[in-house]
Amino acid sequence: MLAEAGRRADFASTRATDVVHEAAHATVLHLRRIVGALSVAVVRVKREAEDLVWDYQDVAGDLRRSDGTGTDLPDVGVVDLRHVKGSTDVKKV
C-alpha cells in the first residue's frame, strides 16, 4: 500500500512537471512571436518616418528654390478642417 502511494505521488509529480514545462514552452513561443511582430512594426515605422522626413525636406527645398514671392509655387488647395464635420469645401490659397 505504501508503494502504491509512492507511485501515485511520483506520477502526480511527473505530470505536474510536464504541465509546467509545456506552459513554459508555449509562453516562450508566443513571446518570440510577439517580439518578432513588434520588431517588424518598429522597422516599418522607422522607414515611414524617414520617408516622411525626406518628403518634408523635398517640399522645403522646393520652397527655398522659389524667388520668395510664391509665384513659382503650384496652386495648392487647402482644406479648412474647422468647418462643419463632413464639409468638403476647398479654399484656394
PDB file of N, CA and C in Angstrom:
ATOM      1  N   MET A   1       0.817  -1.178   0.000  1.00  0.00           N
ATOM      2  CA  MET A   1       0.000   0.000   0.000  1.00  0.00           C
ATOM      3  C   MET A   1       0.876   1.263   0.000  1.00  0.00           C
ATOM      4  N   LEU A   2       1.923   1.244   0.763  1.00  0.00           N
ATOM      5  CA  LEU A   2       2.827   2.381   0.801  1.00  0.00           C
ATOM      6  C   LEU A   2       3.527   2.564  -0.549  1.00  0.00           C
ATOM      7  N   ALA A   3       3.840   1.460  -1.206  1.00  0.00           N
ATOM      8  CA  ALA A   3       4.486   1.526  -2.525  1.00  0.00           C
ATOM      9  C   ALA A   3       3.525   2.124  -3.548  1.00  0.00           C
ATOM     10  N   GLU A   4       2.257   1.758  -3.454  1.00  0.00           N
ATOM     11  CA  GLU A   4       1.241   2.297  -4.364  1.00  0.00           C
ATOM     12  C   GLU A   4       1.117   3.813  -4.190  1.00  0.00           C
ATOM     13  N   ALA A   5       1.107   4.285  -2.953  1.00  0.00           N
ATOM     14  CA  ALA A   5       1.027   5.728  -2.686  1.00  0.00           C
ATOM     15  C   ALA A   5       2.255   6.443  -3.242  1.00  0.00           C
ATOM     16  N   GLY A   6       3.410   5.820  -3.155  1.00  0.00           N
ATOM     17  CA  GLY A   6       4.645   6.390  -3.694  1.00  0.00           C
ATOM     18  C   GLY A   6       4.588   6.509  -5.207  1.00  0.00           C
ATOM     19  N   ARG A   7       4.041   5.474  -5.876  1.00  0.00           N
ATOM     20  CA  ARG A   7       3.910   5.502  -7.332  1.00  0.00           C
ATOM     21  C   ARG A   7       2.936   6.599  -7.781  1.00  0.00           C
ATOM     22  N   ARG A   8       1.842   6.745  -7.037  1.00  0.00           N
ATOM     23  CA  ARG A   8       0.862   7.785  -7.365  1.00  0.00           C
ATOM     24  C   ARG A   8       1.470   9.182  -7.194  1.00  0.00           C
ATOM     25  N   ALA A   9       2.233   9.361  -6.128  1.00  0.00           N
ATOM     26  CA  ALA A   9       2.880  10.652  -5.890  1.00  0.00           C
ATOM     27  C   ALA A   9       3.897  10.941  -6.986  1.00  0.00           C
ATOM     28  N   ASP A  10       4.641   9.900  -7.402  1.00  0.00           N
ATOM     29  CA  ASP A  10       5.620  10.066  -8.471  1.00  0.00           C
ATOM     30  C   ASP A  10       4.920  10.418  -9.780  1.00  0.00           C
ATOM     31  N   PHE A  11       3.809   9.753 -10.077  1.00  0.00           N
ATOM     32  CA  PHE A  11       3.043  10.047 -11.289  1.00  0.00           C
ATOM     33  C   PHE A  11       2.509  11.486 -11.274  1.00  0.00           C
ATOM     34  N   ALA A  12       1.978  11.901 -10.120  1.00  0.00           N
ATOM     35  CA  ALA A  12       1.448  13.254  -9.991  1.00  0.00           C
ATOM     36  C   ALA A  12       2.566  14.278 -10.152  1.00  0.00           C
ATOM     37  N   SER A  13       3.713  14.001  -9.596  1.00  0.00           N
ATOM     38  CA  SER A  13       4.850  14.911  -9.704  1.00  0.00           C
ATOM     39  C   SER A  13       5.329  15.007 -11.154  1.00  0.00           C
ATOM     40  N   THR A  14       5.408  13.875 -11.828  1.00  0.00           N
ATOM     41  CA  THR A  14       5.826  13.853 -13.234  1.00  0.00           C
ATOM     42  C   THR A  14       4.824  14.607 -14.099  1.00  0.00           C
ATOM     43  N   ARG A  15       3.542  14.404 -13.846  1.00  0.00           N
ATOM     44  CA  ARG A  15       2.503  15.094 -14.623  1.00  0.00           C
ATOM     45  C   ARG A  15       2.570  16.610 -14.397  1.00  0.00           C
ATOM     46  N   ALA A  16       2.758  17.030 -13.149  1.00  0.00           N
ATOM     47  CA  ALA A  16       2.855  18.458 -12.846  1.00  0.00           C
ATOM     48  C   ALA A  16       4.079  19.068 -13.531  1.00  0.00           C
ATOM     49  N   THR A  17       5.192  18.351 -13.529  1.00  0.00           N
ATOM     50  CA  THR A  17       6.406  18.833 -14.187  1.00  0.00           C
ATOM     51  C   THR A  17       6.179  18.976 -15.693  1.00  0.00           C
ATOM     52  N   ASP A  18       5.501  17.984 -16.290  1.00  0.00           N
ATOM     53  CA  ASP A  18       5.200  18.053 -17.718  1.00  0.00           C
ATOM     54  C   ASP A  18       4.301  19.246 -18.048  1.00  0.00           C
ATOM     55  N   VAL A  19       3.304  19.513 -17.214  1.00  0.00           N
ATOM     56  CA  VAL A  19       2.394  20.633 -17.443  1.00  0.00           C
ATOM     57  C   VAL A  19       3.150  21.958 -17.341  1.00  0.00           C
ATOM     58  N   VAL A  20       4.009  22.101 -16.352  1.00  0.00           N
ATOM     59  CA  VAL A  20       4.793  23.332 -16.195  1.00  0.00           C
ATOM     60  C   VAL A  20       5.732  23.516 -17.383  1.00  0.00           C
ATOM     61  N   HIS A  21       6.364  22.426 -17.829  1.00  0.00           N
ATOM     62  CA  HIS A  21       7.264  22.505 -18.979  1.00  0.00           C
ATOM     63  C   HIS A  21       6.500  22.926 -20.233  1.00  0.00           C
ATOM     64  N   GLU A  22       5.336  22.357 -20.474  1.00  0.00           N
ATOM     65  CA  GLU A  22       4.533  22.708 -21.639  1.00  0.00           C
ATOM     66  C   GLU A  22       4.072  24.162 -21.581  1.00  0.00           C
ATOM     67  N   ALA A  23       3.686  24.635 -20.398  1.00  0.00           N
ATOM     68  CA  ALA A  23       3.264  26.030 -20.245  1.00  0.00           C
ATOM     69  C   ALA A  23       4.431  26.982 -20.523  1.00  0.00           C
ATOM     70  N   ALA A  24       5.606  26.637 -20.025  1.00  0.00           N
ATOM     71  CA  ALA A  24       6.790  27.476 -20.268  1.00  0.00           C
ATOM     72  C   ALA A  24       7.123  27.493 -21.751  1.00  0.00           C
ATOM     73  N   HIS A  25       7.040  26.342 -22.402  1.00  0.00           N
ATOM     74  CA  HIS A  25       7.321  26.262 -23.835  1.00  0.00           C
ATOM     75  C   HIS A  25       6.336  27.121 -24.643  1.00  0.00           C
ATOM     76  N   ALA A  26       5.059  27.032 -24.327  1.00  0.00           N
ATOM     77  CA  ALA A  26       4.042  27.816 -25.028  1.00  0.00           C
ATOM     78  C   ALA A  26       4.253  29.313 -24.800  1.00  0.00           C
ATOM     79  N   THR A  27       4.611  29.672 -23.582  1.00  0.00           N
ATOM     80  CA  THR A  27       4.849  31.087 -23.271  1.00  0.00           C
ATOM     81  C   THR A  27       6.023  31.631 -24.069  1.00  0.00           C
ATOM     82  N   VAL A  28       7.111  30.897 -24.116  1.00  0.00           N
ATOM     83  CA  VAL A  28       8.293  31.325 -24.865  1.00  0.00           C
ATOM     84  C   VAL A  28       7.963  31.428 -26.354  1.00  0.00           C
ATOM     85  N   LEU A  29       7.220  30.474 -26.877  1.00  0.00           N
ATOM     86  CA  LEU A  29       6.848  30.503 -28.282  1.00  0.00           C
ATOM     87  C   LEU A  29       6.050  31.766 -28.619  1.00  0.00           C
ATOM     88  N   HIS A  30       5.052  32.073 -27.806  1.00  0.00           N
ATOM     89  CA  HIS A  30       4.219  33.250 -28.068  1.00  0.00           C
ATOM     90  C   HIS A  30       4.990  34.552 -27.848  1.00  0.00           C
ATOM     91  N   LEU A  31       5.849  34.585 -26.857  1.00  0.00           N
ATOM     92  CA  LEU A  31       6.662  35.783 -26.642  1.00  0.00           C
ATOM     93  C   LEU A  31       7.605  36.028 -27.821  1.00  0.00           C
ATOM     94  N   ARG A  32       8.166  34.974 -28.375  1.00  0.00           N
ATOM     95  CA  ARG A  32       9.037  35.128 -29.549  1.00  0.00           C
ATOM     96  C   ARG A  32       8.247  35.666 -30.733  1.00  0.00           C
ATOM     97  N   ARG A  33       7.025  35.188 -30.907  1.00  0.00           N
ATOM     98  CA  ARG A  33       6.184  35.694 -31.999  1.00  0.00           C
ATOM     99  C   ARG A  33       5.839  37.166 -31.787  1.00  0.00           C
ATOM    100  N   ILE A  34       5.524  37.533 -30.554  1.00  0.00           N
ATOM    101  CA  ILE A  34       5.186  38.925 -30.242  1.00  0.00           C
ATOM    102  C   ILE A  34       6.387  39.834 -30.497  1.00  0.00           C
ATOM    103  N   VAL A  35       7.562  39.427 -30.025  1.00  0.00           N
ATOM    104  CA  VAL A  35       8.773  40.228 -30.226  1.00  0.00           C
ATOM    105  C   VAL A  35       9.083  40.342 -31.711  1.00  0.00           C
ATOM    106  N   GLY A  36       8.899  39.278 -32.465  1.00  0.00           N
ATOM    107  CA  GLY A  36       9.124  39.326 -33.907  1.00  0.00           C
ATOM    108  C   GLY A  36       8.185  40.305 -34.589  1.00  0.00           C
ATOM    109  N   ALA A  37       6.900  40.263 -34.209  1.00  0.00           N
ATOM    110  CA  ALA A  37       5.924  41.180 -34.804  1.00  0.00           C
ATOM    111  C   ALA A  37       6.246  42.628 -34.442  1.00  0.00           C
ATOM    112  N   LEU A  38       6.643  42.855 -33.200  1.00  0.00           N
ATOM    113  CA  LEU A  38       6.997  44.218 -32.781  1.00  0.00           C
ATOM    114  C   LEU A  38       8.229  44.725 -33.503  1.00  0.00           C
ATOM    115  N   SER A  39       9.215  43.873 -33.707  1.00  0.00           N
ATOM    116  CA  SER A  39      10.428  44.328 -34.395  1.00  0.00           C
ATOM    117  C   SER A  39      10.122  44.667 -35.850  1.00  0.00           C
ATOM    118  N   VAL A  40       9.249  43.895 -36.497  1.00  0.00           N
ATOM    119  CA  VAL A  40       8.841  44.212 -37.864  1.00  0.00           C
ATOM    120  C   VAL A  40       8.108  45.549 -37.886  1.00  0.00           C
ATOM    121  N   ALA A  41       7.229  45.768 -36.909  1.00  0.00           N
ATOM    122  CA  ALA A  41       6.472  47.023 -36.845  1.00  0.00           C
ATOM    123  C   ALA A  41       7.405  48.209 -36.620  1.00  0.00           C
ATOM    124  N   VAL A  42       8.397  48.053 -35.764  1.00  0.00           N
ATOM    125  CA  VAL A  42       9.342  49.147 -35.499  1.00  0.00           C
ATOM    126  C   VAL A  42      10.129  49.491 -36.760  1.00  0.00           C
ATOM    127  N   VAL A  43      10.545  48.484 -37.506  1.00  0.00           N
ATOM    128  CA  VAL A  43      11.281  48.729 -38.746  1.00  0.00           C
ATOM    129  C   VAL A  43      10.396  49.478 -39.742  1.00  0.00           C
ATOM    130  N   ARG A  44       9.127  49.078 -39.838  1.00  0.00           N
ATOM    131  CA  ARG A  44       8.214  49.755 -40.769  1.00  0.00           C
ATOM    132  C   ARG A  44       7.962  51.202 -40.345  1.00  0.00           C
ATOM    133  N   VAL A  45       7.767  51.430 -39.047  1.00  0.00           N
ATOM    134  CA  VAL A  45       7.543  52.794 -38.560  1.00  0.00           C
ATOM    135  C   VAL A  45       8.770  53.653 -38.821  1.00  0.00           C
ATOM    136  N   LYS A  46       9.942  53.105 -38.583  1.00  0.00           N
ATOM    137  CA  LYS A  46      11.187  53.843 -38.835  1.00  0.00           C
ATOM    138  C   LYS A  46      11.297  54.210 -40.307  1.00  0.00           C
ATOM    139  N   ARG A  47      10.997  53.268 -41.185  1.00  0.00           N
ATOM    140  CA  ARG A  47      11.075  53.523 -42.623  1.00  0.00           C
ATOM    141  C   ARG A  47      10.065  54.600 -43.035  1.00  0.00           C
ATOM    142  N   GLU A  48       8.848  54.518 -42.521  1.00  0.00           N
ATOM    143  CA  GLU A  48       7.834  55.515 -42.861  1.00  0.00           C
ATOM    144  C   GLU A  48       8.228  56.901 -42.341  1.00  0.00           C
ATOM    145  N   ALA A  49       8.791  56.957 -41.136  1.00  0.00           N
ATOM    146  CA  ALA A  49       9.219  58.241 -40.572  1.00  0.00           C
ATOM    147  C   ALA A  49      10.343  58.839 -41.420  1.00  0.00           C
ATOM    148  N   GLU A  50      11.271  58.009 -41.861  1.00  0.00           N
ATOM    149  CA  GLU A  50      12.346  58.504 -42.717  1.00  0.00           C
ATOM    150  C   GLU A  50      11.791  59.015 -44.043  1.00  0.00           C
ATOM    151  N   ASP A  51      10.825  58.291 -44.613  1.00  0.00           N
ATOM    152  CA  ASP A  51      10.202  58.753 -45.858  1.00  0.00           C
ATOM    153  C   ASP A  51       9.480  60.078 -45.660  1.00  0.00           C
ATOM    154  N   LEU A  52       8.809  60.218 -44.527  1.00  0.00           N
ATOM    155  CA  LEU A  52       8.098  61.455 -44.240  1.00  0.00           C
ATOM    156  C   LEU A  52       9.073  62.622 -44.114  1.00  0.00           C
ATOM    157  N   VAL A  53      10.177  62.416 -43.409  1.00  0.00           N
ATOM    158  CA  VAL A  53      11.198  63.461 -43.267  1.00  0.00           C
ATOM    159  C   VAL A  53      11.761  63.823 -44.633  1.00  0.00           C
ATOM    160  N   TRP A  54      12.015  62.812 -45.463  1.00  0.00           N
ATOM    161  CA  TRP A  54      12.541  63.080 -46.786  1.00  0.00           C
ATOM    162  C   TRP A  54      11.543  63.908 -47.603  1.00  0.00           C
ATOM    163  N   ASP A  55      10.256  63.556 -47.533  1.00  0.00           N
ATOM    164  CA  ASP A  55       9.238  64.312 -48.261  1.00  0.00           C
ATOM    165  C   ASP A  55       9.192  65.757 -47.793  1.00  0.00           C
ATOM    166  N   TYR A  56       9.243  65.975 -46.471  1.00  0.00           N
ATOM    167  CA  TYR A  56       9.242  67.344 -45.950  1.00  0.00           C
ATOM    168  C   TYR A  56      10.474  68.109 -46.410  1.00  0.00           C
ATOM    169  N   GLN A  57      11.617  67.447 -46.423  1.00  0.00           N
ATOM    170  CA  GLN A  57      12.830  68.109 -46.889  1.00  0.00           C
ATOM    171  C   GLN A  57      12.727  68.448 -48.368  1.00  0.00           C
ATOM    172  N   ASP A  58      12.101  67.574 -49.141  1.00  0.00           N
ATOM    173  CA  ASP A  58      11.907  67.827 -50.562  1.00  0.00           C
ATOM    174  C   ASP A  58      11.000  69.038 -50.776  1.00  0.00           C
ATOM    175  N   VAL A  59       9.906  69.115 -50.010  1.00  0.00           N
ATOM    176  CA  VAL A  59       8.995  70.259 -50.111  1.00  0.00           C
ATOM    177  C   VAL A  59       9.700  71.537 -49.663  1.00  0.00           C
ATOM    178  N   ALA A  60      10.472  71.459 -48.591  1.00  0.00           N
ATOM    179  CA  ALA A  60      11.196  72.641 -48.112  1.00  0.00           C
ATOM    180  C   ALA A  60      12.213  73.099 -49.154  1.00  0.00           C
ATOM    181  N   GLY A  61      12.851  72.153 -49.818  1.00  0.00           N
ATOM    182  CA  GLY A  61      13.793  72.520 -50.879  1.00  0.00           C
ATOM    183  C   GLY A  61      13.089  73.213 -52.028  1.00  0.00           C
ATOM    184  N   ASP A  62      11.898  72.742 -52.387  1.00  0.00           N
ATOM    185  CA  ASP A  62      11.129  73.404 -53.440  1.00  0.00           C
ATOM    186  C   ASP A  62      10.780  74.830 -53.037  1.00  0.00           C
ATOM    187  N   LEU A  63      10.427  75.021 -51.782  1.00  0.00           N
ATOM    188  CA  LEU A  63      10.084  76.363 -51.309  1.00  0.00           C
ATOM    189  C   LEU A  63      11.302  77.281 -51.312  1.00  0.00           C
ATOM    190  N   ARG A  64      12.461  76.758 -50.962  1.00  0.00           N
ATOM    191  CA  ARG A  64      13.677  77.579 -50.949  1.00  0.00           C
ATOM    192  C   ARG A  64      14.098  77.976 -52.360  1.00  0.00           C
ATOM    193  N   ARG A  65      13.807  77.124 -53.348  1.00  0.00           N
ATOM    194  CA  ARG A  65      14.185  77.431 -54.727  1.00  0.00           C
ATOM    195  C   ARG A  65      13.307  78.501 -55.360  1.00  0.00           C
ATOM    196  N   SER A  66      12.140  78.748 -54.774  1.00  0.00           N
ATOM    197  CA  SER A  66      11.292  79.800 -55.340  1.00  0.00           C
ATOM    198  C   SER A  66      11.909  81.156 -55.009  1.00  0.00           C
ATOM    199  N   ASP A  67      11.483  82.201 -55.694  1.00  0.00           N
ATOM    200  CA  ASP A  67      12.103  83.517 -55.515  1.00  0.00           C
ATOM    201  C   ASP A  67      11.588  84.251 -54.278  1.00  0.00           C
ATOM    202  N   GLY A  68      10.794  83.599 -53.459  1.00  0.00           N
ATOM    203  CA  GLY A  68      10.312  84.237 -52.243  1.00  0.00           C
ATOM    204  C   GLY A  68       8.958  84.882 -52.395  1.00  0.00           C
ATOM    205  N   THR A  69       8.517  85.122 -53.635  1.00  0.00           N
ATOM    206  CA  THR A  69       7.207  85.743 -53.832  1.00  0.00           C
ATOM    207  C   THR A  69       6.103  84.712 -53.874  1.00  0.00           C
ATOM    208  N   GLY A  70       6.470  83.473 -54.053  1.00  0.00           N
ATOM    209  CA  GLY A  70       5.473  82.425 -54.134  1.00  0.00           C
ATOM    210  C   GLY A  70       4.919  82.242 -55.532  1.00  0.00           C
ATOM    211  N   THR A  71       5.462  82.991 -56.507  1.00  0.00           N
ATOM    212  CA  THR A  71       4.931  82.897 -57.865  1.00  0.00           C
ATOM    213  C   THR A  71       5.312  81.584 -58.531  1.00  0.00           C
ATOM    214  N   ASP A  72       6.400  80.970 -58.107  1.00  0.00           N
ATOM    215  CA  ASP A  72       6.825  79.709 -58.705  1.00  0.00           C
ATOM    216  C   ASP A  72       6.149  78.508 -58.050  1.00  0.00           C
ATOM    217  N   LEU A  73       5.399  78.746 -56.997  1.00  0.00           N
ATOM    218  CA  LEU A  73       4.773  77.646 -56.284  1.00  0.00           C
ATOM    219  C   LEU A  73       3.502  77.198 -56.985  1.00  0.00           C
ATOM    220  N   PRO A  74       3.211  75.922 -56.951  1.00  0.00           N
ATOM    221  CA  PRO A  74       1.970  75.449 -57.571  1.00  0.00           C
ATOM    222  C   PRO A  74       0.767  75.929 -56.775  1.00  0.00           C
ATOM    223  N   ASP A  75      -0.387  76.020 -57.448  1.00  0.00           N
ATOM    224  CA  ASP A  75      -1.628  76.398 -56.795  1.00  0.00           C
ATOM    225  C   ASP A  75      -2.088  75.219 -55.947  1.00  0.00           C
ATOM    226  N   VAL A  76      -2.173  75.420 -54.653  1.00  0.00           N
ATOM    227  CA  VAL A  76      -2.473  74.337 -53.728  1.00  0.00           C
ATOM    228  C   VAL A  76      -3.841  74.561 -53.104  1.00  0.00           C
ATOM    229  N   GLY A  77      -4.652  73.516 -53.069  1.00  0.00           N
ATOM    230  CA  GLY A  77      -5.944  73.595 -52.393  1.00  0.00           C
ATOM    231  C   GLY A  77      -5.782  73.260 -50.929  1.00  0.00           C
ATOM    232  N   VAL A  78      -6.321  74.098 -50.067  1.00  0.00           N
ATOM    233  CA  VAL A  78      -6.211  73.880 -48.628  1.00  0.00           C
ATOM    234  C   VAL A  78      -7.596  73.563 -48.082  1.00  0.00           C
ATOM    235  N   VAL A  79      -7.692  72.512 -47.323  1.00  0.00           N
ATOM    236  CA  VAL A  79      -8.964  72.141 -46.720  1.00  0.00           C
ATOM    237  C   VAL A  79      -9.011  72.745 -45.328  1.00  0.00           C
ATOM    238  N   ASP A  80     -10.040  73.545 -45.070  1.00  0.00           N
ATOM    239  CA  ASP A  80     -10.210  74.150 -43.747  1.00  0.00           C
ATOM    240  C   ASP A  80     -10.988  73.175 -42.880  1.00  0.00           C
ATOM    241  N   LEU A  81     -10.306  72.526 -41.956  1.00  0.00           N
ATOM    242  CA  LEU A  81     -10.922  71.495 -41.118  1.00  0.00           C
ATOM    243  C   LEU A  81     -11.737  72.071 -39.971  1.00  0.00           C
ATOM    244  N   ARG A  82     -11.791  73.382 -39.861  1.00  0.00           N
ATOM    245  CA  ARG A  82     -12.559  74.000 -38.783  1.00  0.00           C
ATOM    246  C   ARG A  82     -14.037  74.085 -39.114  1.00  0.00           C
ATOM    247  N   HIS A  83     -14.398  73.818 -40.359  1.00  0.00           N
ATOM    248  CA  HIS A  83     -15.801  73.877 -40.754  1.00  0.00           C
ATOM    249  C   HIS A  83     -16.574  72.682 -40.216  1.00  0.00           C
ATOM    250  N   VAL A  84     -17.835  72.640 -40.540  1.00  0.00           N
ATOM    251  CA  VAL A  84     -18.722  71.571 -40.088  1.00  0.00           C
ATOM    252  C   VAL A  84     -18.172  70.223 -40.516  1.00  0.00           C
ATOM    253  N   LYS A  85     -18.336  69.238 -39.655  1.00  0.00           N
ATOM    254  CA  LYS A  85     -17.857  67.888 -39.924  1.00  0.00           C
ATOM    255  C   LYS A  85     -18.494  67.379 -41.213  1.00  0.00           C
ATOM    256  N   GLY A  86     -17.659  66.830 -42.088  1.00  0.00           N
ATOM    257  CA  GLY A  86     -18.146  66.308 -43.345  1.00  0.00           C
ATOM    258  C   GLY A  86     -18.125  67.323 -44.463  1.00  0.00           C
ATOM    259  N   SER A  87     -17.754  68.557 -44.184  1.00  0.00           N
ATOM    260  CA  SER A  87     -17.701  69.593 -45.200  1.00  0.00           C
ATOM    261  C   SER A  87     -16.535  69.317 -46.142  1.00  0.00           C
ATOM    262  N   THR A  88     -16.762  69.513 -47.422  1.00  0.00           N
ATOM    263  CA  THR A  88     -15.699  69.253 -48.408  1.00  0.00           C
ATOM    264  C   THR A  88     -15.290  70.538 -49.118  1.00  0.00           C
ATOM    265  N   ASP A  89     -15.553  71.699 -48.494  1.00  0.00           N
ATOM    266  CA  ASP A  89     -15.164  72.968 -49.087  1.00  0.00           C
ATOM    267  C   ASP A  89     -13.649  73.070 -49.179  1.00  0.00           C
ATOM    268  N   VAL A  90     -13.151  73.526 -50.316  1.00  0.00           N
ATOM    269  CA  VAL A  90     -11.711  73.702 -50.515  1.00  0.00           C
ATOM    270  C   VAL A  90     -11.495  75.163 -50.863  1.00  0.00           C
ATOM    271  N   LYS A  91     -10.577  75.792 -50.129  1.00  0.00           N
ATOM    272  CA  LYS A  91     -10.232  77.183 -50.397  1.00  0.00           C
ATOM    273  C   LYS A  91      -8.933  77.226 -51.182  1.00  0.00           C
ATOM    274  N   LYS A  92      -8.857  78.100 -52.168  1.00  0.00           N
ATOM    275  CA  LYS A  92      -7.616  78.292 -52.900  1.00  0.00           C
ATOM    276  C   LYS A  92      -6.780  79.328 -52.189  1.00  0.00           C
ATOM    277  N   VAL A  93      -5.490  79.057 -52.127  1.00  0.00           N
ATOM    278  CA  VAL A  93      -4.571  79.984 -51.477  1.00  0.00           C
ATOM    279  C   VAL A  93      -4.136  81.040 -52.443  1.00  0.00           C
TER     280      VAL A  93
END
